[in-house]
Amino acid sequence: MLKLTPFFPYIYLASFIMILLYVSYLTVFYVTQDDMLFQSPPFSDNDIASIENDEHYEELRINVEDNLSLHGWLLHQKDAPSPAPLLIYFGGNAEVASQSIDDFEVLSEWNVLFVNYRGYGLSDGEPSEETLFHDAEVIYDVMKERSDVKEDQIVIMGRSMGSAPATHVSKQRDVAGTILVSPYDNRKRLIKHRYPLLPFSSLIRHPFENSDKAPYIMSPVLGFIASEDKVIPPDHSEKTLGSWGGPNRTIWIDGYGHNDLQTTDSYWEGIQTFLNEL
């Protein structure tokens, strides 16, 4: 007859505690994943005032659903022709339009549109993958109809999380080109890299499957990868850019990371060259 050791109940208890902790880990991830992804930074009246005082910025409200609109600005470049080519910029997950707007003044002949995601800045609503994709299409369609926009020269640009709506609208619309900065492969792979103990990809509500869409996009793409990127692994960005169906140019920014590659001259020179060649 099998005789139980005095430690046997403790083994059961330890196993139960480990299972409970693991289930708690999965629960916390599932419940908080939207807060971890969509991190709208603080936005003050001073941010608005500094832009409103510049005559080259047009404040916009774009209706994306009944009683729901997105807020942003259109930068009218001093040297832009009329109608002007347009660059539509989708920022990162912790970025509002006002953070990057001044940097783009170096693109002298291209007007630039910055629109905050739902729940960011002064935009209404709550963000999600579905709404980001829907709104990106609406933004493109609205801007294409403007008389001051050259409709066959609209380029879509996305940085980090913004690479997802940028890739989506580039697949759904006839864009002149796409610029992706530190793009995802897909968030399922990224989350597996960050949280190796997560067993189920179905836990991820916003997968942003860029590389699955890339082969179907025939317009040209310019990609930027930072060699020291610790947020989006460079091989993830390579997967999306290498899968692109149209002409592909990738610029590596050596010695820089996710949040400072835009401070280099090669970054802005690469963008300007790409736009000039379209």
C-alpha atoms as a PDB file:
ATOM      1  CA  MET A   1       0.000   0.000   0.000  1.00  0.00           C
ATOM      2  CA  LEU A   2       1.311   3.446  -1.028  1.00  0.00           C
ATOM      3  CA  LYS A   3       2.244   5.529   1.959  1.00  0.00           C
ATOM      4  CA  LEU A   4       1.964   9.305   1.522  1.00  0.00           C
ATOM      5  CA  THR A   5       4.887  11.357   2.745  1.00  0.00           C
ATOM      6  CA  PRO A   6       4.257  14.278   5.108  1.00  0.00           C
ATOM      7  CA  PHE A   7       5.242  16.672   2.271  1.00  0.00           C
ATOM      8  CA  PHE A   8       2.611  15.466  -0.175  1.00  0.00           C
ATOM      9  CA  PRO A   9      -0.087  18.015   0.855  1.00  0.00           C
ATOM     10  CA  TYR A  10       2.458  20.803   0.514  1.00  0.00           C
ATOM     11  CA  ILE A  11       3.225  19.744  -3.064  1.00  0.00           C
ATOM     12  CA  TYR A  12      -0.476  20.014  -3.875  1.00  0.00           C
ATOM     13  CA  LEU A  13      -0.635  23.433  -2.198  1.00  0.00           C
ATOM     14  CA  ALA A  14       2.446  24.695  -4.038  1.00  0.00           C
ATOM     15  CA  SER A  15       1.012  23.485  -7.373  1.00  0.00           C
ATOM     16  CA  PHE A  16      -2.299  25.189  -6.638  1.00  0.00           C
ATOM     17  CA  ILE A  17      -0.558  28.466  -5.796  1.00  0.00           C
ATOM     18  CA  MET A  18       1.522  28.327  -8.996  1.00  0.00           C
ATOM     19  CA  ILE A  19      -1.571  27.712 -11.112  1.00  0.00           C
ATOM     20  CA  LEU A  20      -3.397  30.531  -9.339  1.00  0.00           C
ATOM     21  CA  LEU A  21      -0.512  32.933  -9.941  1.00  0.00           C
ATOM     22  CA  TYR A  22      -0.320  31.973 -13.601  1.00  0.00           C
ATOM     23  CA  VAL A  23      -4.055  32.454 -14.114  1.00  0.00           C
ATOM     24  CA  SER A  24      -3.756  35.809 -12.362  1.00  0.00           C
ATOM     25  CA  TYR A  25      -0.877  36.743 -14.686  1.00  0.00           C
ATOM     26  CA  LEU A  26      -3.002  35.956 -17.749  1.00  0.00           C
ATOM     27  CA  THR A  27      -5.999  37.796 -16.323  1.00  0.00           C
ATOM     28  CA  VAL A  28      -4.015  40.935 -15.530  1.00  0.00           C
ATOM     29  CA  PHE A  29      -2.526  40.955 -19.034  1.00  0.00           C
ATOM     30  CA  TYR A  30      -5.909  40.513 -20.710  1.00  0.00           C
ATOM     31  CA  VAL A  31      -7.605  43.205 -18.639  1.00  0.00           C
ATOM     32  CA  THR A  32      -4.810  45.798 -18.878  1.00  0.00           C
ATOM     33  CA  GLN A  33      -3.559  45.249 -22.433  1.00  0.00           C
ATOM     34  CA  ASP A  34      -5.472  48.221 -23.858  1.00  0.00           C
ATOM     35  CA  ASP A  35      -3.952  50.533 -21.251  1.00  0.00           C
ATOM     36  CA  MET A  36      -0.476  49.189 -22.061  1.00  0.00           C
ATOM     37  CA  LEU A  37      -0.986  49.728 -25.795  1.00  0.00           C
ATOM     38  CA  PHE A  38      -2.954  52.979 -26.048  1.00  0.00           C
ATOM     39  CA  GLN A  39      -1.008  55.452 -23.899  1.00  0.00           C
ATOM     40  CA  SER A  40      -2.315  58.889 -24.763  1.00  0.00           C
ATOM     41  CA  PRO A  41       0.079  61.423 -23.190  1.00  0.00           C
ATOM     42  CA  PRO A  42      -1.112  64.556 -21.344  1.00  0.00           C
ATOM     43  CA  PHE A  43      -2.381  67.317 -23.600  1.00  0.00           C
ATOM     44  CA  SER A  44      -2.595  70.937 -22.488  1.00  0.00           C
ATOM     45  CA  ASP A  45      -4.040  74.218 -23.726  1.00  0.00           C
ATOM     46  CA  ASN A  46      -0.460  75.405 -24.253  1.00  0.00           C
ATOM     47  CA  ASP A  47       0.032  72.657 -26.828  1.00  0.00           C
ATOM     48  CA  ILE A  48      -2.916  73.964 -28.807  1.00  0.00           C
ATOM     49  CA  ALA A  49      -2.018  77.632 -28.396  1.00  0.00           C
ATOM     50  CA  SER A  50       1.514  77.183 -29.727  1.00  0.00           C
ATOM     51  CA  ILE A  51       0.126  75.703 -32.944  1.00  0.00           C
ATOM     52  CA  GLU A  52      -2.887  77.986 -33.319  1.00  0.00           C
ATOM     53  CA  ASN A  53      -0.591  81.027 -33.280  1.00  0.00           C
ATOM     54  CA  ASP A  54       1.151  79.788 -36.427  1.00  0.00           C
ATOM     55  CA  GLU A  55      -0.709  80.748 -39.599  1.00  0.00           C
ATOM     56  CA  HIS A  56       0.627  77.722 -41.471  1.00  0.00           C
ATOM     57  CA  TYR A  57      -1.411  75.270 -39.379  1.00  0.00           C
ATOM     58  CA  GLU A  58      -5.076  74.589 -40.098  1.00  0.00           C
ATOM     59  CA  GLU A  59      -7.044  73.037 -37.238  1.00  0.00           C
ATOM     60  CA  LEU A  60      -9.308  70.228 -38.412  1.00  0.00           C
ATOM     61  CA  ARG A  61     -12.197  68.113 -37.197  1.00  0.00           C
ATOM     62  CA  ILE A  62     -12.845  64.982 -39.261  1.00  0.00           C
ATOM     63  CA  ASN A  63     -16.157  63.192 -38.714  1.00  0.00           C
ATOM     64  CA  VAL A  64     -15.586  59.437 -38.665  1.00  0.00           C
ATOM     65  CA  GLU A  65     -18.995  58.391 -37.295  1.00  0.00           C
ATOM     66  CA  ASP A  66     -22.226  60.098 -36.284  1.00  0.00           C
ATOM     67  CA  ASN A  67     -21.470  62.425 -33.364  1.00  0.00           C
ATOM     68  CA  LEU A  68     -17.819  61.344 -33.274  1.00  0.00           C
ATOM     69  CA  SER A  69     -14.893  63.273 -34.725  1.00  0.00           C
ATOM     70  CA  LEU A  70     -11.107  63.281 -34.690  1.00  0.00           C
ATOM     71  CA  HIS A  71      -9.025  66.376 -34.043  1.00  0.00           C
ATOM     72  CA  GLY A  72      -5.811  67.345 -35.773  1.00  0.00           C
ATOM     73  CA  TRP A  73      -3.868  69.849 -37.824  1.00  0.00           C
ATOM     74  CA  LEU A  74      -2.881  70.293 -41.436  1.00  0.00           C
ATOM     75  CA  LEU A  75       0.538  71.866 -41.955  1.00  0.00           C
ATOM     76  CA  HIS A  76       0.496  74.084 -45.043  1.00  0.00           C
ATOM     77  CA  GLN A  77       4.121  74.390 -46.114  1.00  0.00           C
ATOM     78  CA  LYS A  78       5.324  77.807 -47.207  1.00  0.00           C
ATOM     79  CA  ASP A  79       6.744  76.509 -50.499  1.00  0.00           C
ATOM     80  CA  ALA A  80       4.002  73.972 -51.306  1.00  0.00           C
ATOM     81  CA  PRO A  81       2.274  74.265 -54.701  1.00  0.00           C
ATOM     82  CA  SER A  82      -1.494  74.388 -55.062  1.00  0.00           C
ATOM     83  CA  PRO A  83      -2.913  71.814 -55.114  1.00  0.00           C
ATOM     84  CA  ALA A  84      -0.179  70.296 -52.951  1.00  0.00           C
ATOM     85  CA  PRO A  85       1.016  66.736 -52.396  1.00  0.00           C
ATOM     86  CA  LEU A  86       0.043  65.414 -48.968  1.00  0.00           C
ATOM     87  CA  LEU A  87       1.756  63.279 -46.343  1.00  0.00           C
ATOM     88  CA  ILE A  88      -0.641  61.722 -43.805  1.00  0.00           C
ATOM     89  CA  TYR A  89       1.140  60.850 -40.558  1.00  0.00           C
ATOM     90  CA  PHE A  90       0.048  58.196 -38.035  1.00  0.00           C
ATOM     91  CA  GLY A  91       2.055  58.401 -34.810  1.00  0.00           C
ATOM     92  CA  GLY A  92       3.142  55.944 -32.159  1.00  0.00           C
ATOM     93  CA  ASN A  93       1.084  54.588 -29.281  1.00  0.00           C
ATOM     94  CA  ALA A  94       2.272  57.270 -26.826  1.00  0.00           C
ATOM     95  CA  GLU A  95       2.263  60.194 -29.240  1.00  0.00           C
ATOM     96  CA  VAL A  96      -0.125  63.051 -29.897  1.00  0.00           C
ATOM     97  CA  ALA A  97       0.002  65.107 -33.059  1.00  0.00           C
ATOM     98  CA  SER A  98       1.495  68.187 -31.434  1.00  0.00           C
ATOM     99  CA  GLN A  99       4.643  66.298 -30.384  1.00  0.00           C
ATOM    100  CA  SER A 100       5.981  65.775 -33.914  1.00  0.00           C
ATOM    101  CA  ILE A 101       4.380  68.549 -35.883  1.00  0.00           C
ATOM    102  CA  ASP A 102       7.321  70.995 -35.921  1.00  0.00           C
ATOM    103  CA  ASP A 103       9.789  68.377 -37.177  1.00  0.00           C
ATOM    104  CA  PHE A 104       7.982  68.022 -40.495  1.00  0.00           C
ATOM    105  CA  GLU A 105       8.472  71.626 -41.558  1.00  0.00           C
ATOM    106  CA  VAL A 106      11.689  70.491 -43.280  1.00  0.00           C
ATOM    107  CA  LEU A 107       9.563  68.789 -45.979  1.00  0.00           C
ATOM    108  CA  SER A 108       9.097  72.103 -47.723  1.00  0.00           C
ATOM    109  CA  GLU A 109       6.822  71.168 -50.649  1.00  0.00           C
ATOM    110  CA  TRP A 110       4.620  68.529 -48.989  1.00  0.00           C
ATOM    111  CA  ASN A 111       1.738  69.494 -46.755  1.00  0.00           C
ATOM    112  CA  VAL A 112       1.455  67.195 -43.730  1.00  0.00           C
ATOM    113  CA  LEU A 113      -1.652  66.002 -41.891  1.00  0.00           C
ATOM    114  CA  PHE A 114      -1.581  65.001 -38.211  1.00  0.00           C
ATOM    115  CA  VAL A 115      -4.744  63.513 -36.730  1.00  0.00           C
ATOM    116  CA  ASN A 116      -5.023  62.165 -33.195  1.00  0.00           C
ATOM    117  CA  TYR A 117      -6.427  58.678 -32.685  1.00  0.00           C
ATOM    118  CA  ARG A 118      -9.691  58.234 -30.826  1.00  0.00           C
ATOM    119  CA  GLY A 119      -9.158  59.102 -27.175  1.00  0.00           C
ATOM    120  CA  TYR A 120      -5.914  60.980 -27.927  1.00  0.00           C
ATOM    121  CA  GLY A 121      -5.619  64.760 -27.656  1.00  0.00           C
ATOM    122  CA  LEU A 122      -8.996  66.334 -28.421  1.00  0.00           C
ATOM    123  CA  SER A 123     -10.323  63.399 -30.452  1.00  0.00           C
ATOM    124  CA  ASP A 124     -13.518  61.686 -29.326  1.00  0.00           C
ATOM    125  CA  GLY A 125     -14.071  58.008 -28.571  1.00  0.00           C
ATOM    126  CA  GLU A 126     -11.895  55.061 -27.552  1.00  0.00           C
ATOM    127  CA  PRO A 127      -9.115  53.521 -29.676  1.00  0.00           C
ATOM    128  CA  SER A 128      -8.986  49.948 -30.970  1.00  0.00           C
ATOM    129  CA  GLU A 129      -7.573  48.129 -33.981  1.00  0.00           C
ATOM    130  CA  GLU A 130     -10.960  48.231 -35.696  1.00  0.00           C
ATOM    131  CA  THR A 131     -11.465  51.953 -35.158  1.00  0.00           C
ATOM    132  CA  LEU A 132      -7.879  52.839 -36.134  1.00  0.00           C
ATOM    133  CA  PHE A 133      -8.336  51.034 -39.447  1.00  0.00           C
ATOM    134  CA  HIS A 134     -11.788  52.488 -40.092  1.00  0.00           C
ATOM    135  CA  ASP A 135     -10.672  56.022 -39.261  1.00  0.00           C
ATOM    136  CA  ALA A 136      -7.536  55.780 -41.408  1.00  0.00           C
ATOM    137  CA  GLU A 137      -9.692  55.057 -44.456  1.00  0.00           C
ATOM    138  CA  VAL A 138     -12.052  57.934 -43.635  1.00  0.00           C
ATOM    139  CA  ILE A 139      -9.143  60.350 -43.162  1.00  0.00           C
ATOM    140  CA  TYR A 140      -7.685  59.388 -46.541  1.00  0.00           C
ATOM    141  CA  ASP A 141     -11.057  59.692 -48.296  1.00  0.00           C
ATOM    142  CA  VAL A 142     -11.837  63.087 -46.760  1.00  0.00           C
ATOM    143  CA  MET A 143      -8.451  64.560 -47.617  1.00  0.00           C
ATOM    144  CA  LYS A 144      -8.487  63.194 -51.160  1.00  0.00           C
ATOM    145  CA  GLU A 145     -11.634  65.222 -51.868  1.00  0.00           C
ATOM    146  CA  ARG A 146     -10.107  68.530 -50.826  1.00  0.00           C
ATOM    147  CA  SER A 147      -9.391  70.958 -53.650  1.00  0.00           C
ATOM    148  CA  ASP A 148      -6.003  71.898 -52.161  1.00  0.00           C
ATOM    149  CA  VAL A 149      -4.764  68.285 -52.182  1.00  0.00           C
ATOM    150  CA  LYS A 150      -3.150  66.672 -55.214  1.00  0.00           C
ATOM    151  CA  GLU A 151      -5.101  63.422 -55.127  1.00  0.00           C
ATOM    152  CA  ASP A 152      -2.542  61.297 -56.970  1.00  0.00           C
ATOM    153  CA  GLN A 153       0.247  62.339 -54.576  1.00  0.00           C
ATOM    154  CA  ILE A 154      -0.927  61.202 -51.160  1.00  0.00           C
ATOM    155  CA  VAL A 155       1.667  59.322 -49.120  1.00  0.00           C
ATOM    156  CA  ILE A 156       0.886  57.495 -45.890  1.00  0.00           C
ATOM    157  CA  MET A 157       3.409  57.459 -43.046  1.00  0.00           C
ATOM    158  CA  GLY A 158       3.228  55.390 -39.863  1.00  0.00           C
ATOM    159  CA  ARG A 159       5.581  55.147 -36.909  1.00  0.00           C
ATOM    160  CA  SER A 160       5.575  52.122 -34.562  1.00  0.00           C
ATOM    161  CA  MET A 161       1.877  51.491 -33.760  1.00  0.00           C
ATOM    162  CA  GLY A 162       1.045  53.936 -36.541  1.00  0.00           C
ATOM    163  CA  SER A 163       2.538  51.471 -39.014  1.00  0.00           C
ATOM    164  CA  ALA A 164      -0.647  49.401 -38.598  1.00  0.00           C
ATOM    165  CA  PRO A 165      -3.210  51.970 -39.853  1.00  0.00           C
ATOM    166  CA  ALA A 166      -0.651  53.146 -42.432  1.00  0.00           C
ATOM    167  CA  THR A 167      -0.239  49.634 -43.825  1.00  0.00           C
ATOM    168  CA  HIS A 168      -3.985  49.052 -43.723  1.00  0.00           C
ATOM    169  CA  VAL A 169      -4.956  52.164 -45.665  1.00  0.00           C
ATOM    170  CA  SER A 170      -2.108  51.552 -48.139  1.00  0.00           C
ATOM    171  CA  LYS A 171      -3.692  48.174 -48.904  1.00  0.00           C
ATOM    172  CA  GLN A 172      -7.236  49.528 -49.123  1.00  0.00           C
ATOM    173  CA  ARG A 173      -6.569  52.696 -51.112  1.00  0.00           C
ATOM    174  CA  ASP A 174      -4.502  53.711 -54.147  1.00  0.00           C
ATOM    175  CA  VAL A 175      -1.769  55.620 -52.339  1.00  0.00           C
ATOM    176  CA  ALA A 176       1.310  57.080 -54.013  1.00  0.00           C
ATOM    177  CA  GLY A 177       3.642  55.524 -51.449  1.00  0.00           C
ATOM    178  CA  THR A 178       4.111  54.485 -47.843  1.00  0.00           C
ATOM    179  CA  ILE A 179       6.719  55.333 -45.196  1.00  0.00           C
ATOM    180  CA  LEU A 180       7.035  52.965 -42.229  1.00  0.00           C
ATOM    181  CA  VAL A 181       9.180  53.739 -39.200  1.00  0.00           C
ATOM    182  CA  SER A 182       9.938  50.791 -36.880  1.00  0.00           C
ATOM    183  CA  PRO A 183       6.910  48.830 -38.129  1.00  0.00           C
ATOM    184  CA  TYR A 184       5.424  45.782 -36.461  1.00  0.00           C
ATOM    185  CA  ASP A 185       5.466  42.338 -38.013  1.00  0.00           C
ATOM    186  CA  ASN A 186       2.370  41.635 -35.942  1.00  0.00           C
ATOM    187  CA  ARG A 187       1.626  42.224 -32.279  1.00  0.00           C
ATOM    188  CA  LYS A 188       1.087  38.524 -31.581  1.00  0.00           C
ATOM    189  CA  ARG A 189       4.745  37.895 -32.345  1.00  0.00           C
ATOM    190  CA  LEU A 190       5.785  41.032 -30.485  1.00  0.00           C
ATOM    191  CA  ILE A 191       3.829  40.077 -27.359  1.00  0.00           C
ATOM    192  CA  LYS A 192       5.284  36.567 -27.485  1.00  0.00           C
ATOM    193  CA  HIS A 193       8.736  38.178 -27.554  1.00  0.00           C
ATOM    194  CA  ARG A 194       7.934  40.410 -24.561  1.00  0.00           C
ATOM    195  CA  TYR A 195       5.815  37.953 -22.576  1.00  0.00           C
ATOM    196  CA  PRO A 196       7.023  34.436 -23.383  1.00  0.00           C
ATOM    197  CA  LEU A 197       4.735  32.891 -20.743  1.00  0.00           C
ATOM    198  CA  LEU A 198       1.584  33.882 -22.648  1.00  0.00           C
ATOM    199  CA  PRO A 199       0.281  30.702 -24.301  1.00  0.00           C
ATOM    200  CA  PHE A 200      -2.672  31.952 -26.309  1.00  0.00           C
ATOM    201  CA  SER A 201      -2.491  34.437 -29.171  1.00  0.00           C
ATOM    202  CA  SER A 202      -6.266  34.734 -28.851  1.00  0.00           C
ATOM    203  CA  LEU A 203      -5.673  36.808 -25.705  1.00  0.00           C
ATOM    204  CA  ILE A 204      -4.378  39.657 -27.889  1.00  0.00           C
ATOM    205  CA  ARG A 205      -7.249  41.922 -28.914  1.00  0.00           C
ATOM    206  CA  HIS A 206      -5.359  44.145 -31.360  1.00  0.00           C
ATOM    207  CA  PRO A 207      -3.005  41.936 -33.434  1.00  0.00           C
ATOM    208  CA  PHE A 208      -2.065  44.538 -36.123  1.00  0.00           C
ATOM    209  CA  GLU A 209      -0.967  41.937 -38.680  1.00  0.00           C
ATOM    210  CA  ASN A 210       1.163  44.137 -40.938  1.00  0.00           C
ATOM    211  CA  SER A 211       3.259  41.471 -42.642  1.00  0.00           C
ATOM    212  CA  ASP A 212       0.131  39.576 -43.754  1.00  0.00           C
ATOM    213  CA  LYS A 213      -1.056  42.656 -45.666  1.00  0.00           C
ATOM    214  CA  ALA A 214       2.306  43.781 -47.034  1.00  0.00           C
ATOM    215  CA  PRO A 215       2.542  41.351 -50.015  1.00  0.00           C
ATOM    216  CA  TYR A 216      -0.696  42.758 -51.461  1.00  0.00           C
ATOM    217  CA  ILE A 217       0.511  46.383 -51.558  1.00  0.00           C
ATOM    218  CA  MET A 218       2.092  47.338 -54.878  1.00  0.00           C
ATOM    219  CA  SER A 219       2.894  50.984 -54.165  1.00  0.00           C
ATOM    220  CA  PRO A 220       6.485  51.766 -53.096  1.00  0.00           C
ATOM    221  CA  VAL A 221       7.539  51.703 -49.456  1.00  0.00           C
ATOM    222  CA  LEU A 222      10.352  53.408 -47.563  1.00  0.00           C
ATOM    223  CA  GLY A 223      11.221  51.766 -44.266  1.00  0.00           C
ATOM    224  CA  PHE A 224      13.355  52.874 -41.343  1.00  0.00           C
ATOM    225  CA  ILE A 225      14.882  50.437 -38.849  1.00  0.00           C
ATOM    226  CA  ALA A 226      16.960  51.490 -35.835  1.00  0.00           C
ATOM    227  CA  SER A 227      19.749  49.027 -35.098  1.00  0.00           C
ATOM    228  CA  GLU A 228      19.350  49.525 -31.319  1.00  0.00           C
ATOM    229  CA  ASP A 229      15.550  49.378 -31.226  1.00  0.00           C
ATOM    230  CA  LYS A 230      14.510  47.661 -27.981  1.00  0.00           C
ATOM    231  CA  VAL A 231      10.764  48.265 -28.454  1.00  0.00           C
ATOM    232  CA  ILE A 232      10.170  46.721 -31.892  1.00  0.00           C
ATOM    233  CA  PRO A 233      12.873  44.121 -32.619  1.00  0.00           C
ATOM    234  CA  PRO A 234      14.584  44.975 -35.939  1.00  0.00           C
ATOM    235  CA  ASP A 235      13.884  41.517 -37.383  1.00  0.00           C
ATOM    236  CA  HIS A 236      10.151  42.137 -36.862  1.00  0.00           C
ATOM    237  CA  SER A 237      10.390  45.322 -38.951  1.00  0.00           C
ATOM    238  CA  GLU A 238      12.437  43.464 -41.552  1.00  0.00           C
ATOM    239  CA  LYS A 239       9.657  40.877 -41.888  1.00  0.00           C
ATOM    240  CA  THR A 240       7.059  43.480 -42.854  1.00  0.00           C
ATOM    241  CA  LEU A 241       9.313  45.485 -45.152  1.00  0.00           C
ATOM    242  CA  GLY A 242      10.727  42.360 -46.780  1.00  0.00           C
ATOM    243  CA  SER A 243       7.204  41.102 -47.477  1.00  0.00           C
ATOM    244  CA  TRP A 244       6.135  44.283 -49.303  1.00  0.00           C
ATOM    245  CA  GLY A 245       4.728  43.636 -52.759  1.00  0.00           C
ATOM    246  CA  GLY A 246       5.904  46.882 -54.356  1.00  0.00           C
ATOM    247  CA  PRO A 247       9.319  48.538 -54.587  1.00  0.00           C
ATOM    248  CA  ASN A 248      11.045  48.495 -51.215  1.00  0.00           C
ATOM    249  CA  ARG A 249      13.820  50.647 -49.820  1.00  0.00           C
ATOM    250  CA  THR A 250      14.950  50.157 -46.231  1.00  0.00           C
ATOM    251  CA  ILE A 251      17.258  52.558 -44.404  1.00  0.00           C
ATOM    252  CA  TRP A 252      19.062  51.318 -41.300  1.00  0.00           C
ATOM    253  CA  ILE A 253      19.847  53.936 -38.665  1.00  0.00           C
ATOM    254  CA  ASP A 254      22.910  52.514 -36.925  1.00  0.00           C
ATOM    255  CA  GLY A 255      23.536  53.282 -33.274  1.00  0.00           C
ATOM    256  CA  TYR A 256      20.055  54.683 -32.627  1.00  0.00           C
ATOM    257  CA  GLY A 257      16.959  53.313 -30.948  1.00  0.00           C
ATOM    258  CA  HIS A 258      13.189  53.413 -31.183  1.00  0.00           C
ATOM    259  CA  ASN A 259      12.748  56.909 -29.790  1.00  0.00           C
ATOM    260  CA  ASP A 260      15.654  58.823 -31.305  1.00  0.00           C
ATOM    261  CA  LEU A 261      16.147  57.608 -34.886  1.00  0.00           C
ATOM    262  CA  GLN A 262      14.160  60.652 -36.070  1.00  0.00           C
ATOM    263  CA  THR A 263      16.901  62.947 -34.741  1.00  0.00           C
ATOM    264  CA  THR A 264      19.334  61.903 -37.487  1.00  0.00           C
ATOM    265  CA  ASP A 265      19.958  63.707 -40.765  1.00  0.00           C
ATOM    266  CA  SER A 266      19.694  60.444 -42.721  1.00  0.00           C
ATOM    267  CA  TYR A 267      16.119  60.030 -41.492  1.00  0.00           C
ATOM    268  CA  TRP A 268      14.845  63.315 -42.929  1.00  0.00           C
ATOM    269  CA  GLU A 269      17.062  63.140 -46.005  1.00  0.00           C
ATOM    270  CA  GLY A 270      15.689  59.680 -46.731  1.00  0.00           C
ATOM    271  CA  ILE A 271      12.098  60.885 -46.452  1.00  0.00           C
ATOM    272  CA  GLN A 272      12.729  63.915 -48.662  1.00  0.00           C
ATOM    273  CA  THR A 273      14.452  61.817 -51.340  1.00  0.00           C
ATOM    274  CA  PHE A 274      11.614  59.276 -51.329  1.00  0.00           C
ATOM    275  CA  LEU A 275       8.990  61.998 -51.734  1.00  0.00           C
ATOM    276  CA  ASN A 276      10.942  63.739 -54.486  1.00  0.00           C
ATOM    277  CA  GLU A 277      11.128  60.515 -56.495  1.00  0.00           C
ATOM    278  CA  LEU A 278       7.375  59.849 -56.504  1.00  0.00           C
END
